[in-house]
Amino acid sequence: MRTRIKELRAKHKLTQEQLAERTGVRRETILFIESGKYNPSLKLAFQIAKELNSKVDEIFFFDDNELINK
């Protein structure tokens, strides 16, 4: 899964630490989500979207090639 978290964090001038605090997770969790190493729960995805003033489907999306190759 790909995300736009890093791009949207920059737009809102938030660090990974700040986003993590606002969503109740560790900074490493945000790092792993941004790097595609961890898929967030639906609840966390909605919390992140709320903090970034976006919709979930504007932040998280699948690359069609990823789905085909798995």
Foldseek 3Di string as FASTA:
>chain_A
DAFCLVVLCVVVVHDLCRLCVQLVHHSVVSVCVNVVNDDDDPSSLVSSCVVSVHDSPNTDDDDPVVVVVD
